[in-house]
Full PDB file with SEQRES, HELIX, SHEET, SSBOND, CRYST1, ORIGX, SCALE, CONECT and MASTER records, all heavy atoms in Angstrom:
SEQRES   1 A   38  PRO VAL ILE SER GLN PRO ASN VAL GLY ILE LEU GLY LEU          
SEQRES   2 A   38  GLY ALA ILE GLU LYS ARG PRO VAL VAL VAL ASP ASP ALA          
SEQRES   3 A   38  ILE ALA ILE ARG SER MET CYS TYR VAL THR LEU SER              
SHEET    1 AA1 2 LEU A  11  VAL A  23  0                                        
SHEET    2 AA1 2 ALA A  26  LEU A  37 -1                                        
CRYST1    1.000    1.000    1.000  90.00  90.00  90.00 P 1           1          
ORIGX1      1.000000  0.000000  0.000000        0.00000                         
ORIGX2      0.000000  1.000000  0.000000        0.00000                         
ORIGX3      0.000000  0.000000  1.000000        0.00000                         
SCALE1      1.000000  0.000000  0.000000        0.00000                         
SCALE2      0.000000  1.000000  0.000000        0.00000                         
SCALE3      0.000000  0.000000  1.000000        0.00000                         
ATOM      1  N   PRO A   1       0.868  -1.244  -0.013  1.00  0.00           N  
ATOM      2  CA  PRO A   1       0.048  -0.110  -0.028  1.00  0.00           C  
ATOM      3  C   PRO A   1       0.842   1.243   0.035  1.00  0.00           C  
ATOM      4  O   PRO A   1       2.095   1.276   0.377  1.00  0.00           O  
ATOM      5  CB  PRO A   1      -0.779  -0.106   1.357  1.00  0.00           C  
ATOM      6  CG  PRO A   1       0.049  -0.958   2.192  1.00  0.00           C  
ATOM      7  CD  PRO A   1       0.798  -1.994   1.278  1.00  0.00           C  
ATOM      8  N   VAL A   2       0.199   2.405  -0.455  1.00  0.00           N  
ATOM      9  CA  VAL A   2       0.817   3.717  -0.414  1.00  0.00           C  
ATOM     10  C   VAL A   2       0.645   4.363   1.036  1.00  0.00           C  
ATOM     11  O   VAL A   2      -0.683   4.207   1.520  1.00  0.00           O  
ATOM     12  CB  VAL A   2       0.241   4.571  -1.571  1.00  0.00           C  
ATOM     13  CG1 VAL A   2       0.891   5.976  -1.485  1.00  0.00           C  
ATOM     14  CG2 VAL A   2       0.438   3.930  -2.902  1.00  0.00           C  
ATOM     15  N   ILE A   3       1.555   4.967   1.520  1.00  0.00           N  
ATOM     16  CA  ILE A   3       1.493   5.563   2.834  1.00  0.00           C  
ATOM     17  C   ILE A   3       0.354   6.644   2.787  1.00  0.00           C  
ATOM     18  O   ILE A   3       0.299   7.460   1.855  1.00  0.00           O  
ATOM     19  CB  ILE A   3       2.814   6.138   3.161  1.00  0.00           C  
ATOM     20  CG1 ILE A   3       3.874   5.062   3.432  1.00  0.00           C  
ATOM     21  CG2 ILE A   3       2.688   6.982   4.546  1.00  0.00           C  
ATOM     22  CD1 ILE A   3       5.388   5.507   3.583  1.00  0.00           C  
ATOM     23  N   SER A   4      -0.371   6.690   3.812  1.00  0.00           N  
ATOM     24  CA  SER A   4      -1.468   7.765   3.985  1.00  0.00           C  
ATOM     25  C   SER A   4      -0.760   8.875   4.763  1.00  0.00           C  
ATOM     26  O   SER A   4      -0.483   8.880   5.857  1.00  0.00           O  
ATOM     27  CB  SER A   4      -2.611   7.283   4.813  1.00  0.00           C  
ATOM     28  OG  SER A   4      -3.553   8.277   4.973  1.00  0.00           O  
ATOM     29  N   GLN A   5      -0.488   9.975   4.030  1.00  0.00           N  
ATOM     30  CA  GLN A   5       0.178  11.112   4.620  1.00  0.00           C  
ATOM     31  C   GLN A   5      -0.777  11.827   5.772  1.00  0.00           C  
ATOM     32  O   GLN A   5      -1.866  11.864   5.666  1.00  0.00           O  
ATOM     33  CB  GLN A   5       0.489  12.289   3.557  1.00  0.00           C  
ATOM     34  CG  GLN A   5       1.312  11.718   2.467  1.00  0.00           C  
ATOM     35  CD  GLN A   5       2.775  11.440   3.035  1.00  0.00           C  
ATOM     36  OE1 GLN A   5       3.379  11.953   3.879  1.00  0.00           O  
ATOM     37  NE2 GLN A   5       3.478  10.369   2.500  1.00  0.00           N  
ATOM     38  N   PRO A   6      -0.098  12.336   6.800  1.00  0.00           N  
ATOM     39  CA  PRO A   6       1.275  12.458   7.065  1.00  0.00           C  
ATOM     40  C   PRO A   6       1.947  11.291   7.830  1.00  0.00           C  
ATOM     41  O   PRO A   6       2.987  11.526   8.482  1.00  0.00           O  
ATOM     42  CB  PRO A   6       1.440  13.816   7.791  1.00  0.00           C  
ATOM     43  CG  PRO A   6       0.142  13.679   8.605  1.00  0.00           C  
ATOM     44  CD  PRO A   6      -0.868  13.062   7.762  1.00  0.00           C  
ATOM     45  N   ASN A   7       1.338  10.160   7.720  1.00  0.00           N  
ATOM     46  CA  ASN A   7       2.049   8.979   8.568  1.00  0.00           C  
ATOM     47  C   ASN A   7       3.258   8.769   7.862  1.00  0.00           C  
ATOM     48  O   ASN A   7       3.543   9.075   6.777  1.00  0.00           O  
ATOM     49  CB  ASN A   7       1.027   7.730   8.421  1.00  0.00           C  
ATOM     50  CG  ASN A   7      -0.303   8.056   9.123  1.00  0.00           C  
ATOM     51  OD1 ASN A   7      -1.292   7.284   8.934  1.00  0.00           O  
ATOM     52  ND2 ASN A   7      -0.520   9.094   9.806  1.00  0.00           N  
ATOM     53  N   VAL A   8       4.026   7.883   8.605  1.00  0.00           N  
ATOM     54  CA  VAL A   8       5.280   7.222   7.967  1.00  0.00           C  
ATOM     55  C   VAL A   8       5.164   5.799   7.880  1.00  0.00           C  
ATOM     56  O   VAL A   8       6.186   5.160   7.416  1.00  0.00           O  
ATOM     57  CB  VAL A   8       6.491   7.628   8.873  1.00  0.00           C  
ATOM     58  CG1 VAL A   8       6.673   9.074   9.022  1.00  0.00           C  
ATOM     59  CG2 VAL A   8       6.331   7.066  10.439  1.00  0.00           C  
ATOM     60  N   GLY A   9       4.037   5.181   8.103  1.00  0.00           N  
ATOM     61  CA  GLY A   9       3.870   3.741   7.859  1.00  0.00           C  
ATOM     62  C   GLY A   9       2.441   3.220   7.627  1.00  0.00           C  
ATOM     63  O   GLY A   9       1.626   3.892   8.096  1.00  0.00           O  
ATOM     64  N   ILE A  10       2.189   2.204   7.040  1.00  0.00           N  
ATOM     65  CA  ILE A  10       0.913   1.572   6.835  1.00  0.00           C  
ATOM     66  C   ILE A  10       1.061   0.077   6.658  1.00  0.00           C  
ATOM     67  O   ILE A  10       1.942  -0.471   5.963  1.00  0.00           O  
ATOM     68  CB  ILE A  10       0.235   2.139   5.555  1.00  0.00           C  
ATOM     69  CG1 ILE A  10      -1.197   1.522   5.282  1.00  0.00           C  
ATOM     70  CG2 ILE A  10       1.036   2.015   4.234  1.00  0.00           C  
ATOM     71  CD1 ILE A  10      -2.038   2.124   4.339  1.00  0.00           C  
ATOM     72  N   LEU A  11       0.330  -0.586   7.369  1.00  0.00           N  
ATOM     73  CA  LEU A  11       0.289  -2.042   7.498  1.00  0.00           C  
ATOM     74  C   LEU A  11      -0.655  -2.784   6.432  1.00  0.00           C  
ATOM     75  O   LEU A  11      -1.852  -2.300   6.532  1.00  0.00           O  
ATOM     76  CB  LEU A  11       0.013  -2.520   8.868  1.00  0.00           C  
ATOM     77  CG  LEU A  11       0.196  -4.056   9.200  1.00  0.00           C  
ATOM     78  CD1 LEU A  11       1.741  -4.456   9.201  1.00  0.00           C  
ATOM     79  CD2 LEU A  11      -0.368  -4.327  10.566  1.00  0.00           C  
ATOM     80  N   GLY A  12      -0.259  -3.565   5.660  1.00  0.00           N  
ATOM     81  CA  GLY A  12      -1.098  -4.177   4.692  1.00  0.00           C  
ATOM     82  C   GLY A  12      -1.415  -5.689   5.169  1.00  0.00           C  
ATOM     83  O   GLY A  12      -0.424  -6.427   5.528  1.00  0.00           O  
ATOM     84  N   LEU A  13      -2.704  -6.162   5.146  1.00  0.00           N  
ATOM     85  CA  LEU A  13      -3.026  -7.446   5.534  1.00  0.00           C  
ATOM     86  C   LEU A  13      -3.415  -8.336   4.445  1.00  0.00           C  
ATOM     87  O   LEU A  13      -4.244  -7.944   3.603  1.00  0.00           O  
ATOM     88  CB  LEU A  13      -4.063  -7.399   6.573  1.00  0.00           C  
ATOM     89  CG  LEU A  13      -4.049  -6.452   7.831  1.00  0.00           C  
ATOM     90  CD1 LEU A  13      -5.222  -6.472   8.679  1.00  0.00           C  
ATOM     91  CD2 LEU A  13      -2.656  -6.701   8.588  1.00  0.00           C  
ATOM     92  N   GLY A  14      -2.898  -9.521   4.338  1.00  0.00           N  
ATOM     93  CA  GLY A  14      -3.143 -10.457   3.215  1.00  0.00           C  
ATOM     94  C   GLY A  14      -4.360 -11.400   3.730  1.00  0.00           C  
ATOM     95  O   GLY A  14      -4.719 -11.363   4.886  1.00  0.00           O  
ATOM     96  N   ALA A  15      -4.781 -12.233   2.785  1.00  0.00           N  
ATOM     97  CA  ALA A  15      -5.795 -13.239   3.198  1.00  0.00           C  
ATOM     98  C   ALA A  15      -5.276 -14.219   4.153  1.00  0.00           C  
ATOM     99  O   ALA A  15      -4.061 -14.678   4.148  1.00  0.00           O  
ATOM    100  CB  ALA A  15      -6.285 -13.909   1.913  1.00  0.00           C  
ATOM    101  N   ILE A  16      -6.111 -14.681   4.988  1.00  0.00           N  
ATOM    102  CA  ILE A  16      -5.835 -15.728   5.999  1.00  0.00           C  
ATOM    103  C   ILE A  16      -6.221 -17.075   5.478  1.00  0.00           C  
ATOM    104  O   ILE A  16      -7.443 -17.250   5.236  1.00  0.00           O  
ATOM    105  CB  ILE A  16      -6.483 -15.486   7.398  1.00  0.00           C  
ATOM    106  CG1 ILE A  16      -6.011 -14.243   7.983  1.00  0.00           C  
ATOM    107  CG2 ILE A  16      -6.187 -16.589   8.344  1.00  0.00           C  
ATOM    108  CD1 ILE A  16      -6.725 -13.841   9.243  1.00  0.00           C  
ATOM    109  N   GLU A  17      -5.343 -17.925   5.095  1.00  0.00           N  
ATOM    110  CA  GLU A  17      -5.722 -19.192   4.492  1.00  0.00           C  
ATOM    111  C   GLU A  17      -4.819 -20.287   5.049  1.00  0.00           C  
ATOM    112  O   GLU A  17      -3.649 -20.091   5.522  1.00  0.00           O  
ATOM    113  CB  GLU A  17      -5.495 -19.069   2.951  1.00  0.00           C  
ATOM    114  CG  GLU A  17      -4.235 -18.638   2.565  1.00  0.00           C  
ATOM    115  CD  GLU A  17      -4.060 -18.487   0.972  1.00  0.00           C  
ATOM    116  OE1 GLU A  17      -5.053 -18.362   0.277  1.00  0.00           O  
ATOM    117  OE2 GLU A  17      -2.995 -18.559   0.368  1.00  0.00           O  
ATOM    118  N   LYS A  18      -5.378 -21.475   5.067  1.00  0.00           N  
ATOM    119  CA  LYS A  18      -4.643 -22.646   5.558  1.00  0.00           C  
ATOM    120  C   LYS A  18      -3.575 -23.172   4.423  1.00  0.00           C  
ATOM    121  O   LYS A  18      -3.988 -23.289   3.213  1.00  0.00           O  
ATOM    122  CB  LYS A  18      -5.685 -23.864   5.851  1.00  0.00           C  
ATOM    123  CG  LYS A  18      -6.584 -23.476   6.999  1.00  0.00           C  
ATOM    124  CD  LYS A  18      -7.357 -24.698   7.460  1.00  0.00           C  
ATOM    125  CE  LYS A  18      -8.166 -24.354   8.719  1.00  0.00           C  
ATOM    126  NZ  LYS A  18      -8.989 -25.534   9.108  1.00  0.00           N  
ATOM    127  N   ARG A  19      -2.377 -23.366   5.049  1.00  0.00           N  
ATOM    128  CA  ARG A  19      -1.226 -23.805   4.163  1.00  0.00           C  
ATOM    129  C   ARG A  19      -0.388 -24.839   4.840  1.00  0.00           C  
ATOM    130  O   ARG A  19      -0.371 -24.801   6.082  1.00  0.00           O  
ATOM    131  CB  ARG A  19      -0.473 -22.649   3.706  1.00  0.00           C  
ATOM    132  CG  ARG A  19      -1.121 -21.700   2.863  1.00  0.00           C  
ATOM    133  CD  ARG A  19      -0.118 -20.735   2.058  1.00  0.00           C  
ATOM    134  NE  ARG A  19       0.623 -19.858   2.971  1.00  0.00           N  
ATOM    135  CZ  ARG A  19       0.150 -18.672   3.321  1.00  0.00           C  
ATOM    136  NH1 ARG A  19      -0.859 -18.129   2.752  1.00  0.00           N  
ATOM    137  NH2 ARG A  19       0.883 -17.939   4.060  1.00  0.00           N  
ATOM    138  N   PRO A  20       0.217 -25.754   4.208  1.00  0.00           N  
ATOM    139  CA  PRO A  20       1.138 -26.602   4.852  1.00  0.00           C  
ATOM    140  C   PRO A  20       2.479 -25.914   5.194  1.00  0.00           C  
ATOM    141  O   PRO A  20       3.006 -25.234   4.320  1.00  0.00           O  
ATOM    142  CB  PRO A  20       1.456 -27.810   3.872  1.00  0.00           C  
ATOM    143  CG  PRO A  20       1.078 -27.126   2.528  1.00  0.00           C  
ATOM    144  CD  PRO A  20       0.062 -26.035   2.727  1.00  0.00           C  
ATOM    145  N   VAL A  21       2.823 -25.960   6.483  1.00  0.00           N  
ATOM    146  CA  VAL A  21       4.050 -25.331   6.926  1.00  0.00           C  
ATOM    147  C   VAL A  21       4.797 -26.249   7.852  1.00  0.00           C  
ATOM    148  O   VAL A  21       4.264 -27.240   8.303  1.00  0.00           O  
ATOM    149  CB  VAL A  21       3.814 -24.014   7.698  1.00  0.00           C  
ATOM    150  CG1 VAL A  21       3.239 -23.047   6.796  1.00  0.00           C  
ATOM    151  CG2 VAL A  21       2.940 -24.221   8.959  1.00  0.00           C  
ATOM    152  N   VAL A  22       6.032 -25.923   7.988  1.00  0.00           N  
ATOM    153  CA  VAL A  22       6.858 -26.811   8.869  1.00  0.00           C  
ATOM    154  C   VAL A  22       6.961 -26.208  10.312  1.00  0.00           C  
ATOM    155  O   VAL A  22       7.293 -25.130  10.496  1.00  0.00           O  
ATOM    156  CB  VAL A  22       8.425 -26.825   8.333  1.00  0.00           C  
ATOM    157  CG1 VAL A  22       9.245 -27.632   9.266  1.00  0.00           C  
ATOM    158  CG2 VAL A  22       8.412 -27.413   7.015  1.00  0.00           C  
ATOM    159  N   VAL A  23       6.410 -27.058  11.198  1.00  0.00           N  
ATOM    160  CA  VAL A  23       6.402 -26.797  12.607  1.00  0.00           C  
ATOM    161  C   VAL A  23       7.086 -27.934  13.418  1.00  0.00           C  
ATOM    162  O   VAL A  23       6.706 -28.974  13.344  1.00  0.00           O  
ATOM    163  CB  VAL A  23       4.999 -26.710  13.119  1.00  0.00           C  
ATOM    164  CG1 VAL A  23       4.810 -26.272  14.583  1.00  0.00           C  
ATOM    165  CG2 VAL A  23       4.220 -25.653  12.299  1.00  0.00           C  
ATOM    166  N   ASP A  24       8.177 -27.490  14.097  1.00  0.00           N  
ATOM    167  CA  ASP A  24       8.900 -28.486  14.796  1.00  0.00           C  
ATOM    168  C   ASP A  24       9.334 -29.660  13.942  1.00  0.00           C  
ATOM    169  O   ASP A  24       9.188 -30.842  14.302  1.00  0.00           O  
ATOM    170  CB  ASP A  24       8.217 -28.985  16.143  1.00  0.00           C  
ATOM    171  CG  ASP A  24       7.916 -27.876  16.999  1.00  0.00           C  
ATOM    172  OD1 ASP A  24       8.696 -26.964  17.060  1.00  0.00           O  
ATOM    173  OD2 ASP A  24       6.816 -27.972  17.772  1.00  0.00           O  
ATOM    174  N   ASP A  25       9.956 -29.357  12.849  1.00  0.00           N  
ATOM    175  CA  ASP A  25      10.421 -30.296  11.865  1.00  0.00           C  
ATOM    176  C   ASP A  25       9.337 -31.321  11.276  1.00  0.00           C  
ATOM    177  O   ASP A  25       9.710 -32.334  10.917  1.00  0.00           O  
ATOM    178  CB  ASP A  25      11.550 -31.154  12.550  1.00  0.00           C  
ATOM    179  CG  ASP A  25      12.772 -30.293  12.741  1.00  0.00           C  
ATOM    180  OD1 ASP A  25      12.990 -29.319  11.962  1.00  0.00           O  
ATOM    181  OD2 ASP A  25      13.475 -30.673  13.608  1.00  0.00           O  
ATOM    182  N   ALA A  26       8.108 -30.977  11.447  1.00  0.00           N  
ATOM    183  CA  ALA A  26       7.079 -31.686  10.910  1.00  0.00           C  
ATOM    184  C   ALA A  26       6.034 -30.837  10.090  1.00  0.00           C  
ATOM    185  O   ALA A  26       5.893 -29.523  10.288  1.00  0.00           O  
ATOM    186  CB  ALA A  26       6.234 -32.304  12.059  1.00  0.00           C  
ATOM    187  N   ILE A  27       5.451 -31.420   9.156  1.00  0.00           N  
ATOM    188  CA  ILE A  27       4.503 -30.661   8.232  1.00  0.00           C  
ATOM    189  C   ILE A  27       3.203 -30.513   8.912  1.00  0.00           C  
ATOM    190  O   ILE A  27       2.681 -31.616   9.305  1.00  0.00           O  
ATOM    191  CB  ILE A  27       4.375 -31.260   6.743  1.00  0.00           C  
ATOM    192  CG1 ILE A  27       5.760 -31.207   6.088  1.00  0.00           C  
ATOM    193  CG2 ILE A  27       3.361 -30.458   5.976  1.00  0.00           C  
ATOM    194  CD1 ILE A  27       5.822 -31.792   4.825  1.00  0.00           C  
ATOM    195  N   ALA A  28       2.658 -29.308   8.995  1.00  0.00           N  
ATOM    196  CA  ALA A  28       1.241 -29.136   9.635  1.00  0.00           C  
ATOM    197  C   ALA A  28       0.549 -28.212   8.828  1.00  0.00           C  
ATOM    198  O   ALA A  28       1.077 -27.257   8.061  1.00  0.00           O  
ATOM    199  CB  ALA A  28       1.560 -28.638  11.145  1.00  0.00           C  
ATOM    200  N   ILE A  29      -0.707 -28.248   9.076  1.00  0.00           N  
ATOM    201  CA  ILE A  29      -1.600 -27.380   8.334  1.00  0.00           C  
ATOM    202  C   ILE A  29      -1.896 -26.142   9.240  1.00  0.00           C  
ATOM    203  O   ILE A  29      -2.523 -26.393  10.363  1.00  0.00           O  
ATOM    204  CB  ILE A  29      -2.975 -28.080   7.918  1.00  0.00           C  
ATOM    205  CG1 ILE A  29      -2.668 -29.262   7.155  1.00  0.00           C  
ATOM    206  CG2 ILE A  29      -3.870 -26.996   7.218  1.00  0.00           C  
ATOM    207  CD1 ILE A  29      -2.065 -28.843   5.730  1.00  0.00           C  
ATOM    208  N   ARG A  30      -1.652 -25.018   8.898  1.00  0.00           N  
ATOM    209  CA  ARG A  30      -1.785 -23.852   9.739  1.00  0.00           C  
ATOM    210  C   ARG A  30      -2.612 -22.704   9.062  1.00  0.00           C  
ATOM    211  O   ARG A  30      -2.482 -22.636   7.777  1.00  0.00           O  
ATOM    212  CB  ARG A  30      -0.417 -23.218  10.260  1.00  0.00           C  
ATOM    213  CG  ARG A  30       0.603 -24.404  10.804  1.00  0.00           C  
ATOM    214  CD  ARG A  30      -0.083 -24.904  12.103  1.00  0.00           C  
ATOM    215  NE  ARG A  30       0.187 -24.089  13.179  1.00  0.00           N  
ATOM    216  CZ  ARG A  30      -0.130 -24.224  14.450  1.00  0.00           C  
ATOM    217  NH1 ARG A  30      -0.700 -25.369  14.851  1.00  0.00           N  
ATOM    218  NH2 ARG A  30       0.046 -23.418  15.415  1.00  0.00           N  
ATOM    219  N   SER A  31      -3.230 -21.812   9.718  1.00  0.00           N  
ATOM    220  CA  SER A  31      -3.881 -20.599   9.169  1.00  0.00           C  
ATOM    221  C   SER A  31      -2.807 -19.428   9.117  1.00  0.00           C  
ATOM    222  O   SER A  31      -2.334 -18.995  10.066  1.00  0.00           O  
ATOM    223  CB  SER A  31      -4.994 -20.156   9.977  1.00  0.00           C  
ATOM    224  OG  SER A  31      -5.920 -21.202  10.144  1.00  0.00           O  
ATOM    225  N   MET A  32      -2.298 -19.194   7.842  1.00  0.00           N  
ATOM    226  CA  MET A  32      -1.304 -18.413   7.682  1.00  0.00           C  
ATOM    227  C   MET A  32      -1.803 -17.100   6.886  1.00  0.00           C  
ATOM    228  O   MET A  32      -2.675 -16.940   6.285  1.00  0.00           O  
ATOM    229  CB  MET A  32      -0.108 -18.979   6.747  1.00  0.00           C  
ATOM    230  CG  MET A  32       0.360 -20.313   7.280  1.00  0.00           C  
ATOM    231  SD  MET A  32       1.072 -20.222   9.111  1.00  0.00           S  
ATOM    232  CE  MET A  32       2.474 -19.251   8.615  1.00  0.00           C  
ATOM    233  N   CYS A  33      -0.860 -16.005   7.193  1.00  0.00           N  
ATOM    234  CA  CYS A  33      -1.334 -14.760   6.635  1.00  0.00           C  
ATOM    235  C   CYS A  33       0.043 -13.880   6.505  1.00  0.00           C  
ATOM    236  O   CYS A  33       0.818 -13.720   7.194  1.00  0.00           O  
ATOM    237  CB  CYS A  33      -2.152 -13.904   7.665  1.00  0.00           C  
ATOM    238  SG  CYS A  33      -2.539 -12.128   7.169  1.00  0.00           S  
ATOM    239  N   TYR A  34       0.120 -13.391   5.221  1.00  0.00           N  
ATOM    240  CA  TYR A  34       1.195 -12.382   4.901  1.00  0.00           C  
ATOM    241  C   TYR A  34       0.715 -11.032   5.316  1.00  0.00           C  
ATOM    242  O   TYR A  34      -0.310 -10.566   5.145  1.00  0.00           O  
ATOM    243  CB  TYR A  34       1.430 -12.391   3.328  1.00  0.00           C  
ATOM    244  CG  TYR A  34       2.285 -13.730   2.868  1.00  0.00           C  
ATOM    245  CD1 TYR A  34       1.553 -14.548   1.951  1.00  0.00           C  
ATOM    246  CD2 TYR A  34       3.539 -13.991   3.306  1.00  0.00           C  
ATOM    247  CE1 TYR A  34       2.162 -15.679   1.567  1.00  0.00           C  
ATOM    248  CE2 TYR A  34       4.114 -15.029   2.699  1.00  0.00           C  
ATOM    249  CZ  TYR A  34       3.480 -15.980   1.873  1.00  0.00           C  
ATOM    250  OH  TYR A  34       4.095 -17.110   1.497  1.00  0.00           O  
ATOM    251  N   VAL A  35       1.754 -10.259   5.941  1.00  0.00           N  
ATOM    252  CA  VAL A  35       1.561  -8.899   6.189  1.00  0.00           C  
ATOM    253  C   VAL A  35       2.758  -8.067   5.666  1.00  0.00           C  
ATOM    254  O   VAL A  35       3.837  -8.563   5.513  1.00  0.00           O  
ATOM    255  CB  VAL A  35       1.401  -8.688   7.781  1.00  0.00           C  
ATOM    256  CG1 VAL A  35       0.283  -9.371   8.336  1.00  0.00           C  
ATOM    257  CG2 VAL A  35       2.752  -9.028   8.385  1.00  0.00           C  
ATOM    258  N   THR A  36       2.419  -6.884   5.132  1.00  0.00           N  
ATOM    259  CA  THR A  36       3.437  -6.078   4.609  1.00  0.00           C  
ATOM    260  C   THR A  36       3.413  -4.632   5.340  1.00  0.00           C  
ATOM    261  O   THR A  36       2.361  -4.159   5.867  1.00  0.00           O  
ATOM    262  CB  THR A  36       3.182  -5.763   3.080  1.00  0.00           C  
ATOM    263  OG1 THR A  36       1.860  -5.132   3.046  1.00  0.00           O  
ATOM    264  CG2 THR A  36       3.168  -7.072   2.428  1.00  0.00           C  
ATOM    265  N   LEU A  37       4.561  -4.048   5.336  1.00  0.00           N  
ATOM    266  CA  LEU A  37       4.702  -2.778   5.949  1.00  0.00           C  
ATOM    267  C   LEU A  37       5.359  -1.846   5.012  1.00  0.00           C  
ATOM    268  O   LEU A  37       6.392  -2.150   4.472  1.00  0.00           O  
ATOM    269  CB  LEU A  37       5.545  -2.849   7.212  1.00  0.00           C  
ATOM    270  CG  LEU A  37       5.754  -1.388   7.870  1.00  0.00           C  
ATOM    271  CD1 LEU A  37       4.455  -0.955   8.663  1.00  0.00           C  
ATOM    272  CD2 LEU A  37       6.902  -1.586   9.073  1.00  0.00           C  
ATOM    273  N   SER A  38       4.516  -0.716   4.590  1.00  0.00           N  
ATOM    274  CA  SER A  38       5.125   0.275   3.692  1.00  0.00           C  
ATOM    275  C   SER A  38       5.591   1.318   4.670  1.00  0.00           C  
ATOM    276  O   SER A  38       4.814   1.753   5.439  1.00  0.00           O  
ATOM    277  CB  SER A  38       4.034   0.777   2.823  1.00  0.00           C  
ATOM    278  OG  SER A  38       3.490  -0.279   2.042  1.00  0.00           O  
TER     279      SER A  38                                                      
MASTER        0    0    0    0    2    0    0    6  278    1    0    3          
END                                                                             
């Protein structure tokens, strides 16, 4: 996202979706979300 002036930061939230990830050296299905900071 583009920063909303006069702020110096904006947090962008992605979709929350279940994905296979590695947890304690094992594959698990977790609800994951990407976040971005501009």
